[in-house]
C-alpha atoms as a PDB file:
ATOM      1  CA  MET A   1       0.215   0.238  -0.241  1.00  0.00           C
ATOM      2  CA  ILE A   2       1.268   3.223  -0.936  1.00  0.00           C
ATOM      3  CA  LEU A   3       1.215   6.001   2.007  1.00  0.00           C
ATOM      4  CA  PRO A   4      -0.036   9.133   1.116  1.00  0.00           C
ATOM      5  CA  ARG A   5       2.278  12.199   0.897  1.00  0.00           C
ATOM      6  CA  THR A   6       2.235  13.951   4.363  1.00  0.00           C
ATOM      7  CA  SER A   7       4.099  17.270   5.751  1.00  0.00           C
ATOM      8  CA  GLN A   8       7.575  16.092   6.748  1.00  0.00           C
ATOM      9  CA  THR A   9       8.827  19.804   7.116  1.00  0.00           C
ATOM     10  CA  GLY A  10      10.225  19.318  10.402  1.00  0.00           C
ATOM     11  CA  ASP A  11      12.124  16.483   9.657  1.00  0.00           C
ATOM     12  CA  ASP A  12      13.287  17.270   6.505  1.00  0.00           C
ATOM     13  CA  SER A  13      14.908  20.000   7.827  1.00  0.00           C
ATOM     14  CA  SER A  14      16.708  18.484  10.569  1.00  0.00           C
ATOM     15  CA  LEU A  15      17.585  16.283   7.614  1.00  0.00           C
ATOM     16  CA  PHE A  16      18.300  19.333   5.128  1.00  0.00           C
ATOM     17  CA  ALA A  17      20.754  21.294   7.943  1.00  0.00           C
ATOM     18  CA  SER A  18      22.432  17.365   8.690  1.00  0.00           C
ATOM     19  CA  ILE A  19      23.292  17.597   4.821  1.00  0.00           C
ATOM     20  CA  ALA A  20      24.260  21.430   5.107  1.00  0.00           C
ATOM     21  CA  ASN A  21      26.828  20.680   7.227  1.00  0.00           C
ATOM     22  CA  ASP A  22      28.573  17.790   6.293  1.00  0.00           C
ATOM     23  CA  ILE A  23      28.769  19.925   2.584  1.00  0.00           C
ATOM     24  CA  ALA A  24      30.040  22.537   4.383  1.00  0.00           C
ATOM     25  CA  SER A  25      32.799  20.495   6.411  1.00  0.00           C
ATOM     26  CA  LYS A  26      33.819  17.158   4.357  1.00  0.00           C
ATOM     27  CA  GLY A  27      32.038  18.023   0.983  1.00  0.00           C
ATOM     28  CA  TYR A  28      29.421  14.730   1.293  1.00  0.00           C
ATOM     29  CA  SER A  29      27.287  13.064   3.182  1.00  0.00           C
ATOM     30  CA  ILE A  30      25.462   9.901   3.608  1.00  0.00           C
ATOM     31  CA  ASN A  31      21.879   9.392   5.202  1.00  0.00           C
ATOM     32  CA  PRO A  32      20.471   5.958   5.446  1.00  0.00           C
ATOM     33  CA  VAL A  33      16.763   5.526   5.490  1.00  0.00           C
ATOM     34  CA  ALA A  34      16.394   9.009   5.601  1.00  0.00           C
ATOM     35  CA  LEU A  35      14.189  10.236   2.673  1.00  0.00           C
ATOM     36  CA  PRO A  36      10.865  10.320   4.167  1.00  0.00           C
ATOM     37  CA  HIS A  37       8.993   7.177   4.018  1.00  0.00           C
ATOM     38  CA  ASP A  38       5.846   8.144   2.326  1.00  0.00           C
ATOM     39  CA  LEU A  39       8.046   9.626  -0.098  1.00  0.00           C
ATOM     40  CA  ALA A  40      10.577   6.635  -0.379  1.00  0.00           C
ATOM     41  CA  TYR A  41       7.686   4.271  -0.814  1.00  0.00           C
ATOM     42  CA  LEU A  42       5.768   6.377  -3.572  1.00  0.00           C
ATOM     43  CA  LEU A  43       9.233   6.899  -5.533  1.00  0.00           C
ATOM     44  CA  ALA A  44       9.795   2.368  -5.495  1.00  0.00           C
ATOM     45  CA  SER A  45       6.491   1.566  -6.707  1.00  0.00           C
ATOM     46  CA  HIS A  46       6.312   3.505  -9.445  1.00  0.00           C
ATOM     47  CA  ILE A  47       9.906   2.854 -10.967  1.00  0.00           C
ATOM     48  CA  THR A  48       9.206  -0.726 -10.031  1.00  0.00           C
ATOM     49  CA  THR A  49       6.133  -0.630 -11.867  1.00  0.00           C
ATOM     50  CA  MET A  50       7.430   1.378 -14.899  1.00  0.00           C
ATOM     51  CA  PRO A  51       7.310   0.003 -18.668  1.00  0.00           C
ATOM     52  CA  LYS A  52      10.462  -1.381 -19.756  1.00  0.00           C
ATOM     53  CA  SER A  53       9.922   0.886 -22.767  1.00  0.00           C
ATOM     54  CA  ASN A  54      10.150   3.892 -20.235  1.00  0.00           C
ATOM     55  CA  PHE A  55      14.155   3.148 -19.952  1.00  0.00           C
ATOM     56  CA  LYS A  56      16.790   3.961 -21.833  1.00  0.00           C
ATOM     57  CA  ARG A  57      20.571   2.267 -22.025  1.00  0.00           C
ATOM     58  CA  ALA A  58      22.578   5.177 -20.031  1.00  0.00           C
ATOM     59  CA  GLY A  59      25.454   6.587 -22.150  1.00  0.00           C
ATOM     60  CA  ILE A  60      28.244   8.751 -21.499  1.00  0.00           C
ATOM     61  CA  GLY A  61      28.989  12.678 -22.190  1.00  0.00           C
ATOM     62  CA  ARG A  62      26.286  15.015 -23.176  1.00  0.00           C
ATOM     63  CA  ALA A  63      24.734  16.549 -26.577  1.00  0.00           C
ATOM     64  CA  VAL A  64      26.645  15.553 -29.519  1.00  0.00           C
ATOM     65  CA  SER A  65      29.478  13.624 -27.781  1.00  0.00           C
ATOM     66  CA  HIS A  66      26.635  11.485 -26.025  1.00  0.00           C
ATOM     67  CA  LYS A  67      27.622   7.633 -27.222  1.00  0.00           C
ATOM     68  CA  ILE A  68      26.951   4.372 -25.102  1.00  0.00           C
ATOM     69  CA  ASN A  69      29.973   2.329 -23.933  1.00  0.00           C
ATOM     70  CA  ASP A  70      29.702  -0.271 -22.370  1.00  0.00           C
ATOM     71  CA  PHE A  71      32.862  -0.930 -21.256  1.00  0.00           C
ATOM     72  CA  VAL A  72      32.254   2.369 -18.801  1.00  0.00           C
ATOM     73  CA  ARG A  73      28.116   1.662 -17.861  1.00  0.00           C
ATOM     74  CA  THR A  74      25.893  -0.640 -18.500  1.00  0.00           C
ATOM     75  CA  ASP A  75      22.614   1.055 -16.383  1.00  0.00           C
ATOM     76  CA  ALA A  76      19.265   1.937 -17.555  1.00  0.00           C
ATOM     77  CA  ILE A  77      17.728   5.495 -17.142  1.00  0.00           C
ATOM     78  CA  SER A  78      14.393   7.465 -17.465  1.00  0.00           C
ATOM     79  CA  TRP A  79      14.560  11.062 -16.947  1.00  0.00           C
ATOM     80  CA  ILE A  80      12.050  12.127 -14.195  1.00  0.00           C
ATOM     81  CA  GLY A  81       9.336  15.055 -14.980  1.00  0.00           C
ATOM     82  CA  ASP A  82       6.106  16.648 -12.835  1.00  0.00           C
ATOM     83  CA  ASP A  83       3.982  14.091 -15.206  1.00  0.00           C
ATOM     84  CA  THR A  84       3.643  11.804 -12.781  1.00  0.00           C
ATOM     85  CA  GLU A  85       2.461  11.987  -8.640  1.00  0.00           C
ATOM     86  CA  ALA A  86       5.828  10.619  -8.272  1.00  0.00           C
ATOM     87  CA  GLY A  87       7.867  12.316  -9.998  1.00  0.00           C
ATOM     88  CA  LYS A  88       5.892  15.094  -8.651  1.00  0.00           C
ATOM     89  CA  ALA A  89       6.677  14.453  -5.183  1.00  0.00           C
ATOM     90  CA  TRP A  90      10.508  14.085  -5.689  1.00  0.00           C
ATOM     91  CA  LEU A  91      10.382  17.546  -7.337  1.00  0.00           C
ATOM     92  CA  ASP A  92       8.645  19.715  -5.229  1.00  0.00           C
ATOM     93  CA  TRP A  93      11.189  17.258  -2.432  1.00  0.00           C
ATOM     94  CA  THR A  94      14.467  18.133  -4.047  1.00  0.00           C
ATOM     95  CA  THR A  95      12.856  22.054  -4.423  1.00  0.00           C
ATOM     96  CA  ALA A  96      12.505  22.229  -1.069  1.00  0.00           C
ATOM     97  CA  LEU A  97      16.295  21.097  -0.060  1.00  0.00           C
ATOM     98  CA  GLN A  98      17.911  23.346  -3.061  1.00  0.00           C
ATOM     99  CA  VAL A  99      16.145  26.018  -1.234  1.00  0.00           C
ATOM    100  CA  PHE A 100      17.759  25.432   1.773  1.00  0.00           C
ATOM    101  CA  LEU A 101      21.030  24.819   0.225  1.00  0.00           C
ATOM    102  CA  ASN A 102      21.369  28.238  -1.196  1.00  0.00           C
ATOM    103  CA  ARG A 103      19.828  29.883   2.115  1.00  0.00           C
ATOM    104  CA  ARG A 104      22.611  27.853   4.355  1.00  0.00           C
ATOM    105  CA  LEU A 105      25.896  27.759   1.749  1.00  0.00           C
ATOM    106  CA  PHE A 106      25.018  30.500  -0.664  1.00  0.00           C
ATOM    107  CA  LEU A 107      25.893  28.014  -3.589  1.00  0.00           C
ATOM    108  CA  GLY A 108      23.737  29.521  -5.930  1.00  0.00           C
ATOM    109  CA  LEU A 109      22.085  26.345  -7.240  1.00  0.00           C
ATOM    110  CA  PHE A 110      19.614  27.163  -9.967  1.00  0.00           C
ATOM    111  CA  SER A 111      18.276  24.062 -11.237  1.00  0.00           C
ATOM    112  CA  PHE A 112      17.749  20.379 -10.759  1.00  0.00           C
ATOM    113  CA  GLU A 113      17.801  17.312 -13.551  1.00  0.00           C
ATOM    114  CA  SER A 114      17.254  13.992 -12.432  1.00  0.00           C
ATOM    115  CA  HIS A 115      16.496  10.392 -13.489  1.00  0.00           C
ATOM    116  CA  PHE A 116      15.245   7.334 -12.245  1.00  0.00           C
ATOM    117  CA  ALA A 117      18.124   4.746 -12.449  1.00  0.00           C
ATOM    118  CA  HIS A 118      17.837   0.572 -13.683  1.00  0.00           C
ATOM    119  CA  TYR A 119      20.892  -1.992 -12.969  1.00  0.00           C
ATOM    120  CA  GLY A 120      20.294  -5.444 -13.834  1.00  0.00           C
ATOM    121  CA  GLU A 121      22.109  -8.560 -12.245  1.00  0.00           C
ATOM    122  CA  GLY A 122      25.534  -7.381 -13.223  1.00  0.00           C
ATOM    123  CA  ASP A 123      25.173  -4.107 -14.412  1.00  0.00           C
ATOM    124  CA  PHE A 124      28.224  -1.580 -12.933  1.00  0.00           C
ATOM    125  CA  TYR A 125      29.165   2.229 -13.641  1.00  0.00           C
ATOM    126  CA  LYS A 126      32.462   2.093 -13.939  1.00  0.00           C
ATOM    127  CA  LYS A 127      34.845   4.923 -11.872  1.00  0.00           C
ATOM    128  CA  HIS A 128      33.689   8.487 -13.210  1.00  0.00           C
ATOM    129  CA  LYS A 129      33.086  12.038 -12.339  1.00  0.00           C
ATOM    130  CA  ASP A 130      29.980  13.961 -12.691  1.00  0.00           C
ATOM    131  CA  ALA A 131      31.695  17.483 -13.008  1.00  0.00           C
ATOM    132  CA  PHE A 132      34.732  18.934 -13.698  1.00  0.00           C
ATOM    133  CA  VAL A 133      36.474  21.376 -12.423  1.00  0.00           C
ATOM    134  CA  GLY A 134      35.757  24.909 -14.814  1.00  0.00           C
ATOM    135  CA  GLU A 135      33.886  22.149 -17.731  1.00  0.00           C
ATOM    136  CA  GLY A 136      30.180  22.087 -16.778  1.00  0.00           C
ATOM    137  CA  ASN A 137      27.565  23.515 -14.178  1.00  0.00           C
ATOM    138  CA  ARG A 138      26.969  20.581 -12.202  1.00  0.00           C
ATOM    139  CA  ILE A 139      27.254  21.732  -8.305  1.00  0.00           C
ATOM    140  CA  LEU A 140      26.205  19.141  -6.341  1.00  0.00           C
ATOM    141  CA  SER A 141      25.346  14.905  -6.961  1.00  0.00           C
ATOM    142  CA  VAL A 142      22.119  13.499  -5.394  1.00  0.00           C
ATOM    143  CA  VAL A 143      21.239   9.495  -4.941  1.00  0.00           C
ATOM    144  CA  VAL A 144      18.752   8.272  -3.592  1.00  0.00           C
ATOM    145  CA  TYR A 145      18.277   4.071  -3.319  1.00  0.00           C
ATOM    146  CA  LEU A 146      14.958   2.495  -3.746  1.00  0.00           C
ATOM    147  CA  ASN A 147      15.935  -1.115  -2.666  1.00  0.00           C
ATOM    148  CA  GLN A 148      13.881  -2.734  -0.079  1.00  0.00           C
ATOM    149  CA  TYR A 149      15.889  -5.495   2.279  1.00  0.00           C
ATOM    150  CA  TRP A 150      19.114  -5.447   0.410  1.00  0.00           C
ATOM    151  CA  SER A 151      22.023  -6.689   2.134  1.00  0.00           C
ATOM    152  CA  LYS A 152      25.605  -6.704   1.653  1.00  0.00           C
ATOM    153  CA  ASP A 153      26.057  -9.310  -0.090  1.00  0.00           C
ATOM    154  CA  ASP A 154      23.516  -8.165  -2.869  1.00  0.00           C
ATOM    155  CA  GLY A 155      26.428  -5.702  -3.445  1.00  0.00           C
ATOM    156  CA  GLY A 156      26.038  -3.076  -6.214  1.00  0.00           C
ATOM    157  CA  GLU A 157      27.270  -0.890  -3.251  1.00  0.00           C
ATOM    158  CA  LEU A 158      28.654   2.822  -4.430  1.00  0.00           C
ATOM    159  CA  VAL A 159      32.227   3.484  -3.697  1.00  0.00           C
ATOM    160  CA  ILE A 160      33.715   7.332  -3.603  1.00  0.00           C
ATOM    161  CA  TYR A 161      36.735   8.353  -3.743  1.00  0.00           C
ATOM    162  CA  GLN A 162      38.006  11.181  -1.417  1.00  0.00           C
ATOM    163  CA  ASN A 163      40.431  12.300  -3.669  1.00  0.00           C
ATOM    164  CA  GLN A 164      41.484  16.109  -2.428  1.00  0.00           C
ATOM    165  CA  GLN A 165      43.085  16.698  -5.545  1.00  0.00           C
ATOM    166  CA  SER A 166      41.830  18.668  -8.802  1.00  0.00           C
ATOM    167  CA  THR A 167      43.128  15.509 -11.228  1.00  0.00           C
ATOM    168  CA  SER A 168      41.299  12.517 -11.958  1.00  0.00           C
ATOM    169  CA  ALA A 169      44.123  10.292 -10.706  1.00  0.00           C
ATOM    170  CA  VAL A 170      42.819   7.079  -8.920  1.00  0.00           C
ATOM    171  CA  ILE A 171      43.207   6.839  -5.396  1.00  0.00           C
ATOM    172  CA  ASN A 172      42.329   3.884  -4.111  1.00  0.00           C
ATOM    173  CA  ASP A 173      43.292   3.789  -0.117  1.00  0.00           C
ATOM    174  CA  HIS A 174      40.966   6.647   0.292  1.00  0.00           C
ATOM    175  CA  THR A 175      37.278   5.390  -0.047  1.00  0.00           C
ATOM    176  CA  ILE A 176      34.056   5.130   0.984  1.00  0.00           C
ATOM    177  CA  SER A 177      31.616   2.093   0.456  1.00  0.00           C
ATOM    178  CA  VAL A 178      27.395   3.261   0.364  1.00  0.00           C
ATOM    179  CA  THR A 179      25.168  -0.224   0.393  1.00  0.00           C
ATOM    180  CA  PRO A 180      22.241   0.810  -1.730  1.00  0.00           C
ATOM    181  CA  GLY A 181      19.340   0.462   0.974  1.00  0.00           C
ATOM    182  CA  PHE A 182      15.887   1.548   1.057  1.00  0.00           C
ATOM    183  CA  GLY A 183      15.528   5.921   1.168  1.00  0.00           C
ATOM    184  CA  THR A 184      19.204   6.371   1.726  1.00  0.00           C
ATOM    185  CA  ILE A 185      20.706   9.098   0.656  1.00  0.00           C
ATOM    186  CA  VAL A 186      24.005  10.396  -0.563  1.00  0.00           C
ATOM    187  CA  VAL A 187      24.934  14.402  -1.498  1.00  0.00           C
ATOM    188  CA  PHE A 188      28.211  15.078  -2.873  1.00  0.00           C
ATOM    189  CA  LEU A 189      29.992  17.814  -4.522  1.00  0.00           C
ATOM    190  CA  SER A 190      29.927  16.846  -8.742  1.00  0.00           C
ATOM    191  CA  GLU A 191      33.797  18.440  -9.350  1.00  0.00           C
ATOM    192  CA  GLU A 192      35.591  16.909  -6.288  1.00  0.00           C
ATOM    193  CA  PHE A 193      34.778  12.885  -6.113  1.00  0.00           C
ATOM    194  CA  PRO A 194      35.188  10.668  -8.519  1.00  0.00           C
ATOM    195  CA  HIS A 195      32.973   6.826  -7.857  1.00  0.00           C
ATOM    196  CA  GLU A 196      31.635   4.389  -9.205  1.00  0.00           C
ATOM    197  CA  VAL A 197      28.645   2.031  -8.920  1.00  0.00           C
ATOM    198  CA  LEU A 198      29.906  -1.688  -8.499  1.00  0.00           C
ATOM    199  CA  ALA A 199      27.880  -4.592  -9.972  1.00  0.00           C
ATOM    200  CA  ALA A 200      24.791  -5.688  -8.421  1.00  0.00           C
ATOM    201  CA  LYS A 201      23.469  -9.270  -7.714  1.00  0.00           C
ATOM    202  CA  ARG A 202      19.957  -8.312  -8.342  1.00  0.00           C
ATOM    203  CA  ASP A 203      17.688  -5.717  -9.936  1.00  0.00           C
ATOM    204  CA  ARG A 204      19.083  -2.380  -8.155  1.00  0.00           C
ATOM    205  CA  PHE A 205      17.097   0.857  -8.376  1.00  0.00           C
ATOM    206  CA  SER A 206      17.968   4.163  -7.596  1.00  0.00           C
ATOM    207  CA  ILE A 207      17.439   7.968  -8.692  1.00  0.00           C
ATOM    208  CA  ALA A 208      20.693  10.476  -9.433  1.00  0.00           C
ATOM    209  CA  GLY A 209      20.033  13.738 -10.050  1.00  0.00           C
ATOM    210  CA  TRP A 210      22.345  16.974  -9.818  1.00  0.00           C
ATOM    211  CA  PHE A 211      21.874  20.498  -9.032  1.00  0.00           C
ATOM    212  CA  ARG A 212      22.968  23.187 -11.392  1.00  0.00           C
ATOM    213  CA  LEU A 213      24.493  26.821 -11.560  1.00  0.00           C
ATOM    214  CA  ASN A 214      22.635  28.292 -14.407  1.00  0.00           C
ATOM    215  CA  SER A 215      25.398  29.183 -17.440  1.00  0.00           C
ATOM    216  CA  SER A 216      23.090  31.553 -19.499  1.00  0.00           C
ATOM    217  CA  ILE A 217      25.298  33.136 -22.570  1.00  0.00           C
ATOM    218  CA  ALA A 218      23.818  36.300 -23.689  1.00  0.00           C
ATOM    219  CA  ASN A 219      20.709  35.856 -21.977  1.00  0.00           C
ATOM    220  CA  ASN A 220      19.838  32.515 -22.723  1.00  0.00           C
ATOM    221  CA  ILE A 221      19.588  30.665 -19.696  1.00  0.00           C
ATOM    222  CA  ASP A 222      20.626  27.143 -20.115  1.00  0.00           C
ATOM    223  CA  PRO A 223      18.308  24.316 -18.953  1.00  0.00           C
ATOM    224  CA  PRO A 224      18.724  21.695 -18.225  1.00  0.00           C
ATOM    225  CA  SER A 225      19.944  18.374 -20.426  1.00  0.00           C
END
């Protein structure tokens, strides 16, 4: 049964403050079982019942440089809009987070884009960055997991590399491993942390999203794409 969307203002404010403090102090925030339960169940019900045709093979790169590369990633995605109850509820929640972070951290977050992600058995996404310094406008990455009864034996961990250098060099002795359990929220600075998704042993569902700056040129707003 899907619970109705209810007000979580108090709980959200506490969670948002924890995320903001983590971002300010260390650049990332990991919050197990933190997404409001009604929203988590709504999103989980939606993603697990979506027609397979709604998901498309994920690629790498953007616009004309976009391409499918089975060596790098094998997941499938579906971009999220406000045309469904679940999509609207999710975007309302991320808008509230955006407003809070802008007020607390003065990040200038302008817009948000996100997609559902499905990793089948054996699917993965090798180490990468969501943005590179000076080359994009993704500022903050947000990941939410929608997998009930997930155990460490199921695999599919998110591995975050604590690379404090501005290069993309591999540093394997400073990593954080996140089990993709139900309702877990991960937020991190997009330019600072290389990360990867290890192969899962069963279907793995999540949302990946990015808060962006406005890279307008000649007064033309750069929308999410």
